[in-house]
Amino acid sequence: MKKTIVDLSHSGNSVNELSGEYGVSEVTIYKWVKGEGTMTPKELAILKENLRLSKKLKSLKSYGHIREKVTETYLTAINEGT
């Protein structure tokens, strides 16, 4: 329902009309429309860190350093240089 309301808002339907039709507050609809496609700084930082660790793991695997399943603890140790 959220995606439908956001799409209808983008196509020109008023937030007031959508609020009445779907029983969702106008404030909520405005938040949905504003927040569509955005990430919080924390989410972005986590995504970047995951990407960095994935690249590091791929590199280590390609050199034969890692042959078994790697635990999150092990990756953290590698990341911290211990």
C-alpha atoms as a PDB file:
ATOM      1  CA  MET A   1       0.000   0.000   0.000  1.00  0.00           C
ATOM      2  CA  LYS A   2       2.845   2.412   0.822  1.00  0.00           C
ATOM      3  CA  LYS A   3       4.370   2.129  -2.639  1.00  0.00           C
ATOM      4  CA  THR A   4       0.963   2.594  -4.255  1.00  0.00           C
ATOM      5  CA  ILE A   5       0.294   5.769  -2.284  1.00  0.00           C
ATOM      6  CA  VAL A   6       3.765   7.174  -3.050  1.00  0.00           C
ATOM      7  CA  ASP A   7       3.332   6.363  -6.754  1.00  0.00           C
ATOM      8  CA  LEU A   8      -0.107   8.008  -6.812  1.00  0.00           C
ATOM      9  CA  SER A   9       1.351  11.070  -5.111  1.00  0.00           C
ATOM     10  CA  HIS A  10       4.086  11.293  -7.747  1.00  0.00           C
ATOM     11  CA  SER A  11       1.498  11.016 -10.501  1.00  0.00           C
ATOM     12  CA  GLY A  12      -0.332  14.100  -9.261  1.00  0.00           C
ATOM     13  CA  ASN A  13      -2.905  12.918  -6.733  1.00  0.00           C
ATOM     14  CA  SER A  14      -3.140  15.238  -3.742  1.00  0.00           C
ATOM     15  CA  VAL A  15      -1.936  14.039  -0.377  1.00  0.00           C
ATOM     16  CA  ASN A  16      -5.250  15.168   1.108  1.00  0.00           C
ATOM     17  CA  GLU A  17      -7.219  12.935  -1.272  1.00  0.00           C
ATOM     18  CA  LEU A  18      -4.888   9.979  -0.726  1.00  0.00           C
ATOM     19  CA  SER A  19      -5.124  10.399   3.032  1.00  0.00           C
ATOM     20  CA  GLY A  20      -8.918  10.275   2.925  1.00  0.00           C
ATOM     21  CA  GLU A  21      -9.072   7.384   0.474  1.00  0.00           C
ATOM     22  CA  TYR A  22      -6.524   5.116   2.171  1.00  0.00           C
ATOM     23  CA  GLY A  23      -6.963   6.175   5.793  1.00  0.00           C
ATOM     24  CA  VAL A  24      -3.317   7.197   6.221  1.00  0.00           C
ATOM     25  CA  SER A  25      -2.429  10.530   7.793  1.00  0.00           C
ATOM     26  CA  GLU A  26      -1.124  13.287   5.535  1.00  0.00           C
ATOM     27  CA  VAL A  27       2.013  13.585   7.671  1.00  0.00           C
ATOM     28  CA  THR A  28       2.772   9.894   7.128  1.00  0.00           C
ATOM     29  CA  ILE A  29       2.292  10.212   3.376  1.00  0.00           C
ATOM     30  CA  TYR A  30       4.600  13.235   3.231  1.00  0.00           C
ATOM     31  CA  LYS A  31       7.237  11.267   5.178  1.00  0.00           C
ATOM     32  CA  TRP A  32       6.887   8.317   2.790  1.00  0.00           C
ATOM     33  CA  VAL A  33       7.255  10.538  -0.263  1.00  0.00           C
ATOM     34  CA  LYS A  34      10.214  12.440   1.206  1.00  0.00           C
ATOM     35  CA  GLY A  35      11.977   9.303   2.428  1.00  0.00           C
ATOM     36  CA  GLU A  36      11.618   7.318  -0.780  1.00  0.00           C
ATOM     37  CA  GLY A  37      15.032   6.268  -2.043  1.00  0.00           C
ATOM     38  CA  THR A  38      17.009   7.908   0.745  1.00  0.00           C
ATOM     39  CA  MET A  39      19.278   6.288   3.287  1.00  0.00           C
ATOM     40  CA  THR A  40      20.264   7.462   6.717  1.00  0.00           C
ATOM     41  CA  PRO A  41      23.957   8.243   7.268  1.00  0.00           C
ATOM     42  CA  LYS A  42      24.198   5.158   9.492  1.00  0.00           C
ATOM     43  CA  GLU A  43      22.682   2.899   6.795  1.00  0.00           C
ATOM     44  CA  LEU A  44      25.057   4.349   4.217  1.00  0.00           C
ATOM     45  CA  ALA A  45      28.073   3.784   6.477  1.00  0.00           C
ATOM     46  CA  ILE A  46      27.041   0.159   7.068  1.00  0.00           C
ATOM     47  CA  LEU A  47      26.591  -0.388   3.344  1.00  0.00           C
ATOM     48  CA  LYS A  48      30.037   1.062   2.578  1.00  0.00           C
ATOM     49  CA  GLU A  49      31.662  -1.067   5.285  1.00  0.00           C
ATOM     50  CA  ASN A  50      29.969  -4.216   3.983  1.00  0.00           C
ATOM     51  CA  LEU A  51      31.175  -3.444   0.473  1.00  0.00           C
ATOM     52  CA  ARG A  52      34.724  -2.849   1.704  1.00  0.00           C
ATOM     53  CA  LEU A  53      34.763  -6.107   3.676  1.00  0.00           C
ATOM     54  CA  SER A  54      33.304  -8.038   0.753  1.00  0.00           C
ATOM     55  CA  LYS A  55      36.078  -6.764  -1.510  1.00  0.00           C
ATOM     56  CA  LYS A  56      38.707  -7.658   1.081  1.00  0.00           C
ATOM     57  CA  LEU A  57      37.269 -11.162   1.491  1.00  0.00           C
ATOM     58  CA  LYS A  58      37.168 -11.682  -2.274  1.00  0.00           C
ATOM     59  CA  SER A  59      40.793 -10.592  -2.509  1.00  0.00           C
ATOM     60  CA  LEU A  60      41.871 -12.953   0.278  1.00  0.00           C
ATOM     61  CA  LYS A  61      39.969 -15.841  -1.299  1.00  0.00           C
ATOM     62  CA  SER A  62      41.596 -15.217  -4.675  1.00  0.00           C
ATOM     63  CA  TYR A  63      45.055 -15.578  -3.105  1.00  0.00           C
ATOM     64  CA  GLY A  64      44.082 -18.817  -1.367  1.00  0.00           C
ATOM     65  CA  HIS A  65      44.292 -17.391   2.143  1.00  0.00           C
ATOM     66  CA  ILE A  66      40.718 -18.352   2.949  1.00  0.00           C
ATOM     67  CA  ARG A  67      39.372 -21.747   1.980  1.00  0.00           C
ATOM     68  CA  GLU A  68      36.728 -22.395   4.623  1.00  0.00           C
ATOM     69  CA  LYS A  69      33.658 -20.545   5.795  1.00  0.00           C
ATOM     70  CA  VAL A  70      34.694 -17.289   7.429  1.00  0.00           C
ATOM     71  CA  THR A  71      32.990 -16.128  10.611  1.00  0.00           C
ATOM     72  CA  GLU A  72      32.033 -12.544  11.322  1.00  0.00           C
ATOM     73  CA  THR A  73      34.451 -12.553  14.266  1.00  0.00           C
ATOM     74  CA  TYR A  74      37.312 -13.519  11.962  1.00  0.00           C
ATOM     75  CA  LEU A  75      36.424 -10.754   9.499  1.00  0.00           C
ATOM     76  CA  THR A  76      36.363  -8.234  12.336  1.00  0.00           C
ATOM     77  CA  ALA A  77      39.812  -9.396  13.455  1.00  0.00           C
ATOM     78  CA  ILE A  78      41.141  -9.004   9.910  1.00  0.00           C
ATOM     79  CA  ASN A  79      39.562  -5.567   9.678  1.00  0.00           C
ATOM     80  CA  GLU A  80      41.168  -4.420  12.924  1.00  0.00           C
ATOM     81  CA  GLY A  81      44.528  -5.857  11.945  1.00  0.00           C
ATOM     82  CA  THR A  82      44.781  -8.293  14.848  1.00  0.00           C
END
